[in-house]
C-alpha atoms as a PDB file:
ATOM      1  CA  UNK A   1      75.704 148.417 104.878  1.00  0.00           C
ATOM      2  CA  UNK A   2      79.105 148.321 103.074  1.00  0.00           C
ATOM      3  CA  UNK A   3      82.421 148.025 104.902  1.00  0.00           C
ATOM      4  CA  UNK A   4      83.368 151.462 103.673  1.00  0.00           C
ATOM      5  CA  UNK A   5      80.192 153.011 105.304  1.00  0.00           C
ATOM      6  CA  UNK A   6      81.083 151.115 108.558  1.00  0.00           C
ATOM      7  CA  UNK A   7      84.393 153.127 108.755  1.00  0.00           C
ATOM      8  CA  UNK A   8      82.711 156.482 108.475  1.00  0.00           C
ATOM      9  CA  UNK A   9      81.543 158.114 111.696  1.00  0.00           C
ATOM     10  CA  UNK A  10      77.812 157.624 112.398  1.00  0.00           C
ATOM     11  CA  UNK A  11      76.996 161.328 111.849  1.00  0.00           C
ATOM     12  CA  UNK A  12      78.621 161.156 108.356  1.00  0.00           C
ATOM     13  CA  UNK A  13      76.683 158.129 107.491  1.00  0.00           C
ATOM     14  CA  UNK A  14      73.304 159.798 108.296  1.00  0.00           C
ATOM     15  CA  UNK A  15      74.224 162.893 106.264  1.00  0.00           C
ATOM     16  CA  UNK A  16      75.023 160.938 103.229  1.00  0.00           C
ATOM     17  CA  UNK A  17      72.148 160.848 100.872  1.00  0.00           C
ATOM     18  CA  UNK A  18      71.618 160.435  97.150  1.00  0.00           C
ATOM     19  CA  UNK A  19      71.868 163.561  95.031  1.00  0.00           C
ATOM     20  CA  UNK A  20      68.407 164.868  93.855  1.00  0.00           C
ATOM     21  CA  UNK A  21      67.414 167.097  90.947  1.00  0.00           C
ATOM     22  CA  UNK A  22      66.299 169.692  93.514  1.00  0.00           C
ATOM     23  CA  UNK A  23      69.995 170.111  94.493  1.00  0.00           C
ATOM     24  CA  UNK A  24      70.902 171.257  90.994  1.00  0.00           C
ATOM     25  CA  UNK A  25      70.706 174.898  90.008  1.00  0.00           C
ATOM     26  CA  UNK A  26      69.188 175.114  86.535  1.00  0.00           C
ATOM     27  CA  UNK A  27      70.852 177.287  83.997  1.00  0.00           C
ATOM     28  CA  UNK A  28      69.723 178.385  80.577  1.00  0.00           C
ATOM     29  CA  UNK A  29      72.386 176.389  78.613  1.00  0.00           C
ATOM     30  CA  UNK A  30      70.811 177.444  75.235  1.00  0.00           C
ATOM     31  CA  UNK A  31      70.002 181.099  74.623  1.00  0.00           C
ATOM     32  CA  UNK A  32      69.183 183.425  71.685  1.00  0.00           C
ATOM     33  CA  UNK A  33      69.313 187.226  71.765  1.00  0.00           C
ATOM     34  CA  UNK A  34      67.514 188.959  68.953  1.00  0.00           C
ATOM     35  CA  UNK A  35      68.135 192.578  68.037  1.00  0.00           C
ATOM     36  CA  UNK A  36      65.321 195.177  67.394  1.00  0.00           C
ATOM     37  CA  UNK A  37      64.851 194.349  63.768  1.00  0.00           C
ATOM     38  CA  UNK A  38      64.550 190.597  64.447  1.00  0.00           C
ATOM     39  CA  UNK A  39      61.840 190.845  67.107  1.00  0.00           C
ATOM     40  CA  UNK A  40      59.092 190.231  64.568  1.00  0.00           C
ATOM     41  CA  UNK A  41      60.537 186.697  64.038  1.00  0.00           C
ATOM     42  CA  UNK A  42      59.670 185.688  67.571  1.00  0.00           C
ATOM     43  CA  UNK A  43      56.593 187.870  68.208  1.00  0.00           C
ATOM     44  CA  UNK A  44      53.423 185.723  67.569  1.00  0.00           C
ATOM     45  CA  UNK A  45      51.371 189.046  67.250  1.00  0.00           C
ATOM     46  CA  UNK A  46      53.391 189.707  64.205  1.00  0.00           C
ATOM     47  CA  UNK A  47      53.136 186.136  62.826  1.00  0.00           C
ATOM     48  CA  UNK A  48      56.651 185.209  63.906  1.00  0.00           C
ATOM     49  CA  UNK A  49      57.400 181.646  63.292  1.00  0.00           C
ATOM     50  CA  UNK A  50      60.689 181.191  65.064  1.00  0.00           C
ATOM     51  CA  UNK A  51      59.335 179.969  68.294  1.00  0.00           C
ATOM     52  CA  UNK A  52      57.140 177.295  66.651  1.00  0.00           C
ATOM     53  CA  UNK A  53      60.100 176.189  64.500  1.00  0.00           C
ATOM     54  CA  UNK A  54      62.458 175.817  67.552  1.00  0.00           C
ATOM     55  CA  UNK A  55      59.747 173.809  69.296  1.00  0.00           C
ATOM     56  CA  UNK A  56      59.348 171.605  66.283  1.00  0.00           C
ATOM     57  CA  UNK A  57      63.100 171.019  66.021  1.00  0.00           C
ATOM     58  CA  UNK A  58      63.392 170.119  69.758  1.00  0.00           C
ATOM     59  CA  UNK A  59      60.476 167.622  69.402  1.00  0.00           C
ATOM     60  CA  UNK A  60      61.867 165.931  66.270  1.00  0.00           C
ATOM     61  CA  UNK A  61      65.377 165.786  67.679  1.00  0.00           C
ATOM     62  CA  UNK A  62      63.898 164.129  70.946  1.00  0.00           C
ATOM     63  CA  UNK A  63      61.950 161.564  68.809  1.00  0.00           C
ATOM     64  CA  UNK A  64      64.854 160.718  66.485  1.00  0.00           C
ATOM     65  CA  UNK A  65      67.791 160.799  68.809  1.00  0.00           C
ATOM     66  CA  UNK A  66      66.051 160.115  72.183  1.00  0.00           C
ATOM     67  CA  UNK A  67      67.535 163.200  73.944  1.00  0.00           C
ATOM     68  CA  UNK A  68      65.558 166.183  74.970  1.00  0.00           C
ATOM     69  CA  UNK A  69      67.299 169.447  73.993  1.00  0.00           C
ATOM     70  CA  UNK A  70      67.103 171.960  76.893  1.00  0.00           C
ATOM     71  CA  UNK A  71      64.748 174.881  76.441  1.00  0.00           C
ATOM     72  CA  UNK A  72      66.057 177.756  74.408  1.00  0.00           C
ATOM     73  CA  UNK A  73      65.705 180.952  76.148  1.00  0.00           C
ATOM     74  CA  UNK A  74      65.042 183.827  73.719  1.00  0.00           C
ATOM     75  CA  UNK A  75      65.267 187.439  74.745  1.00  0.00           C
ATOM     76  CA  UNK A  76      65.442 190.811  73.071  1.00  0.00           C
ATOM     77  CA  UNK A  77      68.651 192.778  73.308  1.00  0.00           C
ATOM     78  CA  UNK A  78      68.183 196.380  72.050  1.00  0.00           C
ATOM     79  CA  UNK A  79      71.831 196.905  72.510  1.00  0.00           C
ATOM     80  CA  UNK A  80      72.810 194.605  69.647  1.00  0.00           C
ATOM     81  CA  UNK A  81      74.292 196.977  67.033  1.00  0.00           C
ATOM     82  CA  UNK A  82      73.026 196.897  63.576  1.00  0.00           C
ATOM     83  CA  UNK A  83      75.497 195.194  61.206  1.00  0.00           C
ATOM     84  CA  UNK A  84      75.687 195.352  57.463  1.00  0.00           C
ATOM     85  CA  UNK A  85      74.712 192.233  55.851  1.00  0.00           C
ATOM     86  CA  UNK A  86      77.183 190.565  53.571  1.00  0.00           C
ATOM     87  CA  UNK A  87      76.087 190.321  49.923  1.00  0.00           C
ATOM     88  CA  UNK A  88      77.840 187.880  47.599  1.00  0.00           C
END
């Protein structure tokens, strides 16, 4: 036991414990919202490839860099307004 811990009251020494992953609230750090016209990109029933591509990119990044990118939470948002695409 270290000198610093000896100075703490006995009750505080007992309550000190190492942090654990269960103490952390998980949040979706990466998210993607798709509008109505883009749902087909993520819907496997419509041959959407976006989910597979994101999975492949995360796997390749983890292999090359050694860092696991958090899961990308994808959801539809029917309130996204349709915008005119820019044409050059």
